[in-house]
Amino acid sequence: MTIESNVSQAEAVGTSKRIWRCPACNRLLIEKSVDYARQRHARLLSRSSQFAREATWPAYLASLKRCRCGSRRELKRVPMEAVQGQLDLEVDAVVLQ
């Protein structure tokens, strides 16, 4: 199965993902919808406040298009042609649409 077929299937379902890269640390981030962030936040509310703060911090940084490495440089979009392999294993945070 190729990346192109995965992308076309995702677009058909309406869950296409854009991938962003931090120019400072090269961390990859996958863009998720606001609905995804709300669902994740709702799941975290039942846990401790410290855990919820740690888990929502990446989403806050992502809304600013910033990486958690501390760099103030804006994230760069990765072209879909350059994507290879299983990126879900290397995902760190989310970028909200």
PDB file of N, CA and C in Angstrom:
ATOM      1  N   MET A   1       0.845  -1.171   0.000  1.00  0.00           N
ATOM      2  CA  MET A   1       0.000   0.000   0.000  1.00  0.00           C
ATOM      3  C   MET A   1       0.894   1.239   0.000  1.00  0.00           C
ATOM      4  N   THR A   2       0.647   2.164  -0.861  1.00  0.00           N
ATOM      5  CA  THR A   2       1.491   3.346  -0.967  1.00  0.00           C
ATOM      6  C   THR A   2       0.904   4.501  -0.181  1.00  0.00           C
ATOM      7  N   ILE A   3       1.719   5.507   0.031  1.00  0.00           N
ATOM      8  CA  ILE A   3       1.262   6.706   0.730  1.00  0.00           C
ATOM      9  C   ILE A   3       0.145   7.388  -0.048  1.00  0.00           C
ATOM     10  N   GLU A   4       0.265   7.413  -1.377  1.00  0.00           N
ATOM     11  CA  GLU A   4      -0.745   8.075  -2.198  1.00  0.00           C
ATOM     12  C   GLU A   4      -2.118   7.460  -1.987  1.00  0.00           C
ATOM     13  N   SER A   5      -2.184   6.125  -1.900  1.00  0.00           N
ATOM     14  CA  SER A   5      -3.481   5.490  -1.691  1.00  0.00           C
ATOM     15  C   SER A   5      -4.010   5.805  -0.300  1.00  0.00           C
ATOM     16  N   ASN A   6      -3.126   5.910   0.699  1.00  0.00           N
ATOM     17  CA  ASN A   6      -3.562   6.277   2.046  1.00  0.00           C
ATOM     18  C   ASN A   6      -4.126   7.689   2.070  1.00  0.00           C
ATOM     19  N   VAL A   7      -3.485   8.589   1.374  1.00  0.00           N
ATOM     20  CA  VAL A   7      -3.945   9.973   1.348  1.00  0.00           C
ATOM     21  C   VAL A   7      -5.287  10.077   0.657  1.00  0.00           C
ATOM     22  N   SER A   8      -5.453   9.406  -0.465  1.00  0.00           N
ATOM     23  CA  SER A   8      -6.724   9.503  -1.177  1.00  0.00           C
ATOM     24  C   SER A   8      -7.859   8.889  -0.366  1.00  0.00           C
ATOM     25  N   GLN A   9      -7.598   7.810   0.367  1.00  0.00           N
ATOM     26  CA  GLN A   9      -8.622   7.227   1.225  1.00  0.00           C
ATOM     27  C   GLN A   9      -8.981   8.187   2.349  1.00  0.00           C
ATOM     28  N   ALA A  10      -7.984   8.830   2.933  1.00  0.00           N
ATOM     29  CA  ALA A  10      -8.237   9.770   4.020  1.00  0.00           C
ATOM     30  C   ALA A  10      -9.032  10.968   3.526  1.00  0.00           C
ATOM     31  N   GLU A  11      -8.708  11.455   2.339  1.00  0.00           N
ATOM     32  CA  GLU A  11      -9.444  12.589   1.796  1.00  0.00           C
ATOM     33  C   GLU A  11     -10.882  12.204   1.495  1.00  0.00           C
ATOM     34  N   ALA A  12     -11.105  10.965   1.064  1.00  0.00           N
ATOM     35  CA  ALA A  12     -12.456  10.505   0.759  1.00  0.00           C
ATOM     36  C   ALA A  12     -13.316  10.479   2.017  1.00  0.00           C
ATOM     37  N   VAL A  13     -12.713  10.171   3.156  1.00  0.00           N
ATOM     38  CA  VAL A  13     -13.439  10.116   4.415  1.00  0.00           C
ATOM     39  C   VAL A  13     -13.530  11.497   5.058  1.00  0.00           C
ATOM     40  N   GLY A  14     -12.708  12.433   4.607  1.00  0.00           N
ATOM     41  CA  GLY A  14     -12.724  13.772   5.182  1.00  0.00           C
ATOM     42  C   GLY A  14     -11.777  13.925   6.348  1.00  0.00           C
ATOM     43  N   THR A  15     -10.811  13.028   6.474  1.00  0.00           N
ATOM     44  CA  THR A  15      -9.874  13.088   7.593  1.00  0.00           C
ATOM     45  C   THR A  15      -8.444  13.258   7.104  1.00  0.00           C
ATOM     46  N   SER A  16      -8.273  14.006   6.026  1.00  0.00           N
ATOM     47  CA  SER A  16      -6.919  14.183   5.513  1.00  0.00           C
ATOM     48  C   SER A  16      -6.079  14.922   6.548  1.00  0.00           C
ATOM     49  N   LYS A  17      -4.801  14.612   6.580  1.00  0.00           N
ATOM     50  CA  LYS A  17      -3.909  15.181   7.575  1.00  0.00           C
ATOM     51  C   LYS A  17      -2.782  15.924   6.880  1.00  0.00           C
ATOM     52  N   ARG A  18      -2.465  17.081   7.409  1.00  0.00           N
ATOM     53  CA  ARG A  18      -1.289  17.809   6.950  1.00  0.00           C
ATOM     54  C   ARG A  18      -0.193  17.580   7.969  1.00  0.00           C
ATOM     55  N   ILE A  19       1.020  17.516   7.487  1.00  0.00           N
ATOM     56  CA  ILE A  19       2.149  17.259   8.368  1.00  0.00           C
ATOM     57  C   ILE A  19       3.017  18.507   8.415  1.00  0.00           C
ATOM     58  N   TRP A  20       3.445  18.862   9.619  1.00  0.00           N
ATOM     59  CA  TRP A  20       4.264  20.042   9.851  1.00  0.00           C
ATOM     60  C   TRP A  20       5.579  19.606  10.483  1.00  0.00           C
ATOM     61  N   ARG A  21       6.624  20.403  10.281  1.00  0.00           N
ATOM     62  CA  ARG A  21       7.942  20.096  10.827  1.00  0.00           C
ATOM     63  C   ARG A  21       8.470  21.325  11.552  1.00  0.00           C
ATOM     64  N   CYS A  22       9.078  21.090  12.706  1.00  0.00           N
ATOM     65  CA  CYS A  22       9.726  22.169  13.442  1.00  0.00           C
ATOM     66  C   CYS A  22      11.108  22.379  12.833  1.00  0.00           C
ATOM     67  N   PRO A  23      11.432  23.586  12.371  1.00  0.00           N
ATOM     68  CA  PRO A  23      12.742  23.809  11.756  1.00  0.00           C
ATOM     69  C   PRO A  23      13.896  23.726  12.753  1.00  0.00           C
ATOM     70  N   ALA A  24      13.619  23.865  14.046  1.00  0.00           N
ATOM     71  CA  ALA A  24      14.682  23.836  15.047  1.00  0.00           C
ATOM     72  C   ALA A  24      15.069  22.411  15.445  1.00  0.00           C
ATOM     73  N   CYS A  25      14.076  21.551  15.719  1.00  0.00           N
ATOM     74  CA  CYS A  25      14.376  20.201  16.220  1.00  0.00           C
ATOM     75  C   CYS A  25      13.956  19.098  15.251  1.00  0.00           C
ATOM     76  N   ASN A  26      13.342  19.446  14.131  1.00  0.00           N
ATOM     77  CA  ASN A  26      12.866  18.492  13.116  1.00  0.00           C
ATOM     78  C   ASN A  26      11.781  17.551  13.628  1.00  0.00           C
ATOM     79  N   ARG A  27      11.087  17.919  14.683  1.00  0.00           N
ATOM     80  CA  ARG A  27       9.972  17.119  15.193  1.00  0.00           C
ATOM     81  C   ARG A  27       8.815  17.217  14.209  1.00  0.00           C
ATOM     82  N   LEU A  28       8.138  16.100  13.955  1.00  0.00           N
ATOM     83  CA  LEU A  28       6.989  16.081  13.050  1.00  0.00           C
ATOM     84  C   LEU A  28       5.705  16.180  13.850  1.00  0.00           C
ATOM     85  N   LEU A  29       4.762  16.938  13.321  1.00  0.00           N
ATOM     86  CA  LEU A  29       3.469  17.122  13.962  1.00  0.00           C
ATOM     87  C   LEU A  29       2.384  16.900  12.922  1.00  0.00           C
ATOM     88  N   ILE A  30       1.318  16.221  13.307  1.00  0.00           N
ATOM     89  CA  ILE A  30       0.209  15.957  12.393  1.00  0.00           C
ATOM     90  C   ILE A  30      -0.961  16.854  12.774  1.00  0.00           C
ATOM     91  N   GLU A  31      -1.522  17.512  11.778  1.00  0.00           N
ATOM     92  CA  GLU A  31      -2.638  18.422  12.001  1.00  0.00           C
ATOM     93  C   GLU A  31      -3.905  17.626  12.264  1.00  0.00           C
ATOM     94  N   LYS A  32      -4.610  18.000  13.307  1.00  0.00           N
ATOM     95  CA  LYS A  32      -5.884  17.370  13.654  1.00  0.00           C
ATOM     96  C   LYS A  32      -6.960  18.444  13.697  1.00  0.00           C
ATOM     97  N   SER A  33      -8.201  18.021  13.720  1.00  0.00           N
ATOM     98  CA  SER A  33      -9.310  18.976  13.726  1.00  0.00           C
ATOM     99  C   SER A  33      -9.570  19.497  15.138  1.00  0.00           C
ATOM    100  N   VAL A  34     -10.334  20.562  15.223  1.00  0.00           N
ATOM    101  CA  VAL A  34     -10.715  21.117  16.511  1.00  0.00           C
ATOM    102  C   VAL A  34     -11.612  20.126  17.250  1.00  0.00           C
ATOM    103  N   ASP A  35     -12.450  19.392  16.521  1.00  0.00           N
ATOM    104  CA  ASP A  35     -13.308  18.382  17.152  1.00  0.00           C
ATOM    105  C   ASP A  35     -12.473  17.320  17.854  1.00  0.00           C
ATOM    106  N   TYR A  36     -11.378  16.904  17.232  1.00  0.00           N
ATOM    107  CA  TYR A  36     -10.472  15.934  17.848  1.00  0.00           C
ATOM    108  C   TYR A  36      -9.930  16.487  19.171  1.00  0.00           C
ATOM    109  N   ALA A  37      -9.535  17.755  19.168  1.00  0.00           N
ATOM    110  CA  ALA A  37      -8.988  18.370  20.379  1.00  0.00           C
ATOM    111  C   ALA A  37     -10.052  18.452  21.472  1.00  0.00           C
ATOM    112  N   ARG A  38     -11.287  18.770  21.094  1.00  0.00           N
ATOM    113  CA  ARG A  38     -12.366  18.844  22.088  1.00  0.00           C
ATOM    114  C   ARG A  38     -12.654  17.472  22.694  1.00  0.00           C
ATOM    115  N   GLN A  39     -12.680  16.437  21.858  1.00  0.00           N
ATOM    116  CA  GLN A  39     -12.918  15.082  22.365  1.00  0.00           C
ATOM    117  C   GLN A  39     -11.800  14.652  23.304  1.00  0.00           C
ATOM    118  N   ARG A  40     -10.575  14.946  22.926  1.00  0.00           N
ATOM    119  CA  ARG A  40      -9.433  14.584  23.768  1.00  0.00           C
ATOM    120  C   ARG A  40      -9.491  15.339  25.092  1.00  0.00           C
ATOM    121  N   HIS A  41      -9.851  16.610  25.032  1.00  0.00           N
ATOM    122  CA  HIS A  41      -9.958  17.415  26.246  1.00  0.00           C
ATOM    123  C   HIS A  41     -11.040  16.856  27.171  1.00  0.00           C
ATOM    124  N   ALA A  42     -12.176  16.462  26.603  1.00  0.00           N
ATOM    125  CA  ALA A  42     -13.263  15.898  27.405  1.00  0.00           C
ATOM    126  C   ALA A  42     -12.825  14.611  28.099  1.00  0.00           C
ATOM    127  N   ARG A  43     -12.045  13.787  27.396  1.00  0.00           N
ATOM    128  CA  ARG A  43     -11.542  12.553  28.009  1.00  0.00           C
ATOM    129  C   ARG A  43     -10.569  12.850  29.145  1.00  0.00           C
ATOM    130  N   LEU A  44      -9.835  13.939  29.025  1.00  0.00           N
ATOM    131  CA  LEU A  44      -8.827  14.264  30.027  1.00  0.00           C
ATOM    132  C   LEU A  44      -9.413  14.921  31.271  1.00  0.00           C
ATOM    133  N   LEU A  45     -10.614  15.483  31.170  1.00  0.00           N
ATOM    134  CA  LEU A  45     -11.203  16.186  32.305  1.00  0.00           C
ATOM    135  C   LEU A  45     -11.438  15.276  33.501  1.00  0.00           C
ATOM    136  N   SER A  46     -11.659  14.011  33.261  1.00  0.00           N
ATOM    137  CA  SER A  46     -11.932  13.093  34.362  1.00  0.00           C
ATOM    138  C   SER A  46     -10.666  12.722  35.133  1.00  0.00           C
ATOM    139  N   ARG A  47      -9.506  13.049  34.580  1.00  0.00           N
ATOM    140  CA  ARG A  47      -8.245  12.720  35.244  1.00  0.00           C
ATOM    141  C   ARG A  47      -7.746  13.918  36.049  1.00  0.00           C
ATOM    142  N   SER A  48      -6.569  13.788  36.612  1.00  0.00           N
ATOM    143  CA  SER A  48      -6.020  14.862  37.442  1.00  0.00           C
ATOM    144  C   SER A  48      -5.749  16.121  36.618  1.00  0.00           C
ATOM    145  N   SER A  49      -5.784  17.270  37.275  1.00  0.00           N
ATOM    146  CA  SER A  49      -5.570  18.535  36.570  1.00  0.00           C
ATOM    147  C   SER A  49      -4.138  18.649  36.050  1.00  0.00           C
ATOM    148  N   GLN A  50      -3.163  18.106  36.774  1.00  0.00           N
ATOM    149  CA  GLN A  50      -1.770  18.151  36.319  1.00  0.00           C
ATOM    150  C   GLN A  50      -1.623  17.376  35.011  1.00  0.00           C
ATOM    151  N   PHE A  51      -2.236  16.193  34.933  1.00  0.00           N
ATOM    152  CA  PHE A  51      -2.161  15.389  33.717  1.00  0.00           C
ATOM    153  C   PHE A  51      -2.842  16.111  32.560  1.00  0.00           C
ATOM    154  N   ALA A  52      -4.002  16.724  32.827  1.00  0.00           N
ATOM    155  CA  ALA A  52      -4.724  17.442  31.771  1.00  0.00           C
ATOM    156  C   ALA A  52      -3.903  18.619  31.261  1.00  0.00           C
ATOM    157  N   ARG A  53      -3.217  19.328  32.169  1.00  0.00           N
ATOM    158  CA  ARG A  53      -2.396  20.462  31.751  1.00  0.00           C
ATOM    159  C   ARG A  53      -1.243  19.993  30.870  1.00  0.00           C
ATOM    160  N   GLU A  54      -0.594  18.898  31.261  1.00  0.00           N
ATOM    161  CA  GLU A  54       0.517  18.369  30.470  1.00  0.00           C
ATOM    162  C   GLU A  54       0.048  17.873  29.108  1.00  0.00           C
ATOM    163  N   ALA A  55      -1.133  17.282  29.060  1.00  0.00           N
ATOM    164  CA  ALA A  55      -1.632  16.713  27.810  1.00  0.00           C
ATOM    165  C   ALA A  55      -2.159  17.785  26.861  1.00  0.00           C
ATOM    166  N   THR A  56      -2.675  18.882  27.401  1.00  0.00           N
ATOM    167  CA  THR A  56      -3.224  19.920  26.528  1.00  0.00           C
ATOM    168  C   THR A  56      -2.182  20.959  26.120  1.00  0.00           C
ATOM    169  N   TRP A  57      -1.026  20.969  26.771  1.00  0.00           N
ATOM    170  CA  TRP A  57       0.031  21.920  26.417  1.00  0.00           C
ATOM    171  C   TRP A  57       0.449  21.796  24.955  1.00  0.00           C
ATOM    172  N   PRO A  58       0.661  20.581  24.402  1.00  0.00           N
ATOM    173  CA  PRO A  58       1.016  20.494  22.977  1.00  0.00           C
ATOM    174  C   PRO A  58      -0.049  21.097  22.063  1.00  0.00           C
ATOM    175  N   ALA A  59      -1.323  20.923  22.405  1.00  0.00           N
ATOM    176  CA  ALA A  59      -2.390  21.485  21.572  1.00  0.00           C
ATOM    177  C   ALA A  59      -2.368  23.013  21.627  1.00  0.00           C
ATOM    178  N   TYR A  60      -2.069  23.570  22.797  1.00  0.00           N
ATOM    179  CA  TYR A  60      -1.969  25.026  22.919  1.00  0.00           C
ATOM    180  C   TYR A  60      -0.825  25.551  22.058  1.00  0.00           C
ATOM    181  N   LEU A  61       0.328  24.912  22.144  1.00  0.00           N
ATOM    182  CA  LEU A  61       1.466  25.323  21.325  1.00  0.00           C
ATOM    183  C   LEU A  61       1.145  25.176  19.844  1.00  0.00           C
ATOM    184  N   ALA A  62       0.446  24.104  19.507  1.00  0.00           N
ATOM    185  CA  ALA A  62       0.104  23.858  18.110  1.00  0.00           C
ATOM    186  C   ALA A  62      -0.821  24.944  17.577  1.00  0.00           C
ATOM    187  N   SER A  63      -1.719  25.433  18.418  1.00  0.00           N
ATOM    188  CA  SER A  63      -2.612  26.497  17.962  1.00  0.00           C
ATOM    189  C   SER A  63      -1.825  27.759  17.614  1.00  0.00           C
ATOM    190  N   LEU A  64      -0.662  27.915  18.218  1.00  0.00           N
ATOM    191  CA  LEU A  64       0.221  29.036  17.893  1.00  0.00           C
ATOM    192  C   LEU A  64       1.179  28.679  16.770  1.00  0.00           C
ATOM    193  N   LYS A  65       1.071  27.455  16.265  1.00  0.00           N
ATOM    194  CA  LYS A  65       1.987  26.904  15.262  1.00  0.00           C
ATOM    195  C   LYS A  65       3.426  26.955  15.792  1.00  0.00           C
ATOM    196  N   ARG A  66       3.592  26.518  17.048  1.00  0.00           N
ATOM    197  CA  ARG A  66       4.898  26.466  17.683  1.00  0.00           C
ATOM    198  C   ARG A  66       5.156  25.042  18.171  1.00  0.00           C
ATOM    199  N   CYS A  67       6.421  24.705  18.322  1.00  0.00           N
ATOM    200  CA  CYS A  67       6.823  23.379  18.791  1.00  0.00           C
ATOM    201  C   CYS A  67       7.111  23.430  20.289  1.00  0.00           C
ATOM    202  N   ARG A  68       7.004  22.286  20.968  1.00  0.00           N
ATOM    203  CA  ARG A  68       7.271  22.270  22.395  1.00  0.00           C
ATOM    204  C   ARG A  68       8.760  22.275  22.729  1.00  0.00           C
ATOM    205  N   CYS A  69       9.639  22.273  21.726  1.00  0.00           N
ATOM    206  CA  CYS A  69      11.078  22.327  21.998  1.00  0.00           C
ATOM    207  C   CYS A  69      11.496  23.703  22.505  1.00  0.00           C
ATOM    208  N   GLY A  70      10.611  24.689  22.395  1.00  0.00           N
ATOM    209  CA  GLY A  70      10.913  26.025  22.884  1.00  0.00           C
ATOM    210  C   GLY A  70      11.288  26.995  21.781  1.00  0.00           C
ATOM    211  N   SER A  71      11.433  26.502  20.580  1.00  0.00           N
ATOM    212  CA  SER A  71      11.783  27.373  19.463  1.00  0.00           C
ATOM    213  C   SER A  71      10.623  28.314  19.154  1.00  0.00           C
ATOM    214  N   ARG A  72      10.941  29.542  18.836  1.00  0.00           N
ATOM    215  CA  ARG A  72       9.910  30.507  18.477  1.00  0.00           C
ATOM    216  C   ARG A  72       9.715  30.584  16.971  1.00  0.00           C
ATOM    217  N   ARG A  73      10.437  29.740  16.244  1.00  0.00           N
ATOM    218  CA  ARG A  73      10.304  29.712  14.788  1.00  0.00           C
ATOM    219  C   ARG A  73       9.002  29.016  14.406  1.00  0.00           C
ATOM    220  N   GLU A  74       8.346  29.521  13.375  1.00  0.00           N
ATOM    221  CA  GLU A  74       7.068  28.952  12.947  1.00  0.00           C
ATOM    222  C   GLU A  74       7.279  27.612  12.251  1.00  0.00           C
ATOM    223  N   LEU A  75       6.319  26.713  12.443  1.00  0.00           N
ATOM    224  CA  LEU A  75       6.401  25.388  11.832  1.00  0.00           C
ATOM    225  C   LEU A  75       6.346  25.489  10.318  1.00  0.00           C
ATOM    226  N   LYS A  76       7.006  24.565   9.654  1.00  0.00           N
ATOM    227  CA  LYS A  76       7.023  24.512   8.193  1.00  0.00           C
ATOM    228  C   LYS A  76       6.168  23.340   7.739  1.00  0.00           C
ATOM    229  N   ARG A  77       5.389  23.558   6.703  1.00  0.00           N
ATOM    230  CA  ARG A  77       4.538  22.489   6.178  1.00  0.00           C
ATOM    231  C   ARG A  77       5.375  21.506   5.368  1.00  0.00           C
ATOM    232  N   VAL A  78       5.123  20.205   5.573  1.00  0.00           N
ATOM    233  CA  VAL A  78       5.822  19.153   4.833  1.00  0.00           C
ATOM    234  C   VAL A  78       4.960  18.776   3.636  1.00  0.00           C
ATOM    235  N   PRO A  79       5.501  18.853   2.413  1.00  0.00           N
ATOM    236  CA  PRO A  79       4.712  18.460   1.239  1.00  0.00           C
ATOM    237  C   PRO A  79       4.382  16.965   1.289  1.00  0.00           C
ATOM    238  N   MET A  80       3.178  16.609   0.854  1.00  0.00           N
ATOM    239  CA  MET A  80       2.756  15.202   0.899  1.00  0.00           C
ATOM    240  C   MET A  80       3.655  14.312   0.048  1.00  0.00           C
ATOM    241  N   GLU A  81       4.299  14.872  -0.979  1.00  0.00           N
ATOM    242  CA  GLU A  81       5.190  14.076  -1.826  1.00  0.00           C
ATOM    243  C   GLU A  81       6.417  13.608  -1.045  1.00  0.00           C
ATOM    244  N   ALA A  82       6.779  14.333   0.005  1.00  0.00           N
ATOM    245  CA  ALA A  82       7.975  14.000   0.782  1.00  0.00           C
ATOM    246  C   ALA A  82       7.693  13.007   1.905  1.00  0.00           C
ATOM    247  N   VAL A  83       6.422  12.701   2.151  1.00  0.00           N
ATOM    248  CA  VAL A  83       6.055  11.822   3.257  1.00  0.00           C
ATOM    249  C   VAL A  83       6.298  10.370   2.875  1.00  0.00           C
ATOM    250  N   GLN A  84       7.017   9.668   3.738  1.00  0.00           N
ATOM    251  CA  GLN A  84       7.280   8.248   3.520  1.00  0.00           C
ATOM    252  C   GLN A  84       7.216   7.525   4.856  1.00  0.00           C
ATOM    253  N   GLY A  85       6.744   6.292   4.854  1.00  0.00           N
ATOM    254  CA  GLY A  85       6.755   5.475   6.062  1.00  0.00           C
ATOM    255  C   GLY A  85       5.577   5.748   6.972  1.00  0.00           C
ATOM    256  N   GLN A  86       5.681   5.230   8.190  1.00  0.00           N
ATOM    257  CA  GLN A  86       4.615   5.350   9.172  1.00  0.00           C
ATOM    258  C   GLN A  86       4.908   6.512  10.097  1.00  0.00           C
ATOM    259  N   LEU A  87       4.311   7.639   9.828  1.00  0.00           N
ATOM    260  CA  LEU A  87       4.560   8.819  10.641  1.00  0.00           C
ATOM    261  C   LEU A  87       3.845   8.770  11.980  1.00  0.00           C
ATOM    262  N   ASP A  88       2.789   7.972  12.104  1.00  0.00           N
ATOM    263  CA  ASP A  88       2.053   7.919  13.357  1.00  0.00           C
ATOM    264  C   ASP A  88       2.939   7.469  14.512  1.00  0.00           C
ATOM    265  N   LEU A  89       4.001   6.754  14.231  1.00  0.00           N
ATOM    266  CA  LEU A  89       4.890   6.297  15.287  1.00  0.00           C
ATOM    267  C   LEU A  89       5.785   7.415  15.800  1.00  0.00           C
ATOM    268  N   GLU A  90       5.924   8.488  15.031  1.00  0.00           N
ATOM    269  CA  GLU A  90       6.837   9.559  15.397  1.00  0.00           C
ATOM    270  C   GLU A  90       6.116  10.855  15.735  1.00  0.00           C
ATOM    271  N   VAL A  91       4.824  10.807  15.925  1.00  0.00           N
ATOM    272  CA  VAL A  91       4.027  12.005  16.154  1.00  0.00           C
ATOM    273  C   VAL A  91       4.201  12.462  17.596  1.00  0.00           C
ATOM    274  N   ASP A  92       4.336  13.755  17.770  1.00  0.00           N
ATOM    275  CA  ASP A  92       4.523  14.291  19.109  1.00  0.00           C
ATOM    276  C   ASP A  92       3.366  15.161  19.571  1.00  0.00           C
ATOM    277  N   ALA A  93       2.886  16.021  18.726  1.00  0.00           N
ATOM    278  CA  ALA A  93       1.815  16.936  19.109  1.00  0.00           C
ATOM    279  C   ALA A  93       0.868  17.101  17.935  1.00  0.00           C
ATOM    280  N   VAL A  94      -0.123  17.933  18.117  1.00  0.00           N
ATOM    281  CA  VAL A  94      -1.087  18.160  17.052  1.00  0.00           C
ATOM    282  C   VAL A  94      -1.115  19.630  16.686  1.00  0.00           C
ATOM    283  N   VAL A  95      -1.464  19.912  15.467  1.00  0.00           N
ATOM    284  CA  VAL A  95      -1.684  21.273  15.000  1.00  0.00           C
ATOM    285  C   VAL A  95      -3.164  21.395  14.711  1.00  0.00           C
ATOM    286  N   LEU A  96      -3.804  22.356  15.324  1.00  0.00           N
ATOM    287  CA  LEU A  96      -5.239  22.509  15.133  1.00  0.00           C
ATOM    288  C   LEU A  96      -5.518  23.309  13.884  1.00  0.00           C
ATOM    289  N   GLN A  97      -6.553  22.900  13.154  1.00  0.00           N
ATOM    290  CA  GLN A  97      -6.926  23.595  11.916  1.00  0.00           C
ATOM    291  C   GLN A  97      -7.519  24.943  12.221  1.00  0.00           C
TER     292      GLN A  97
END
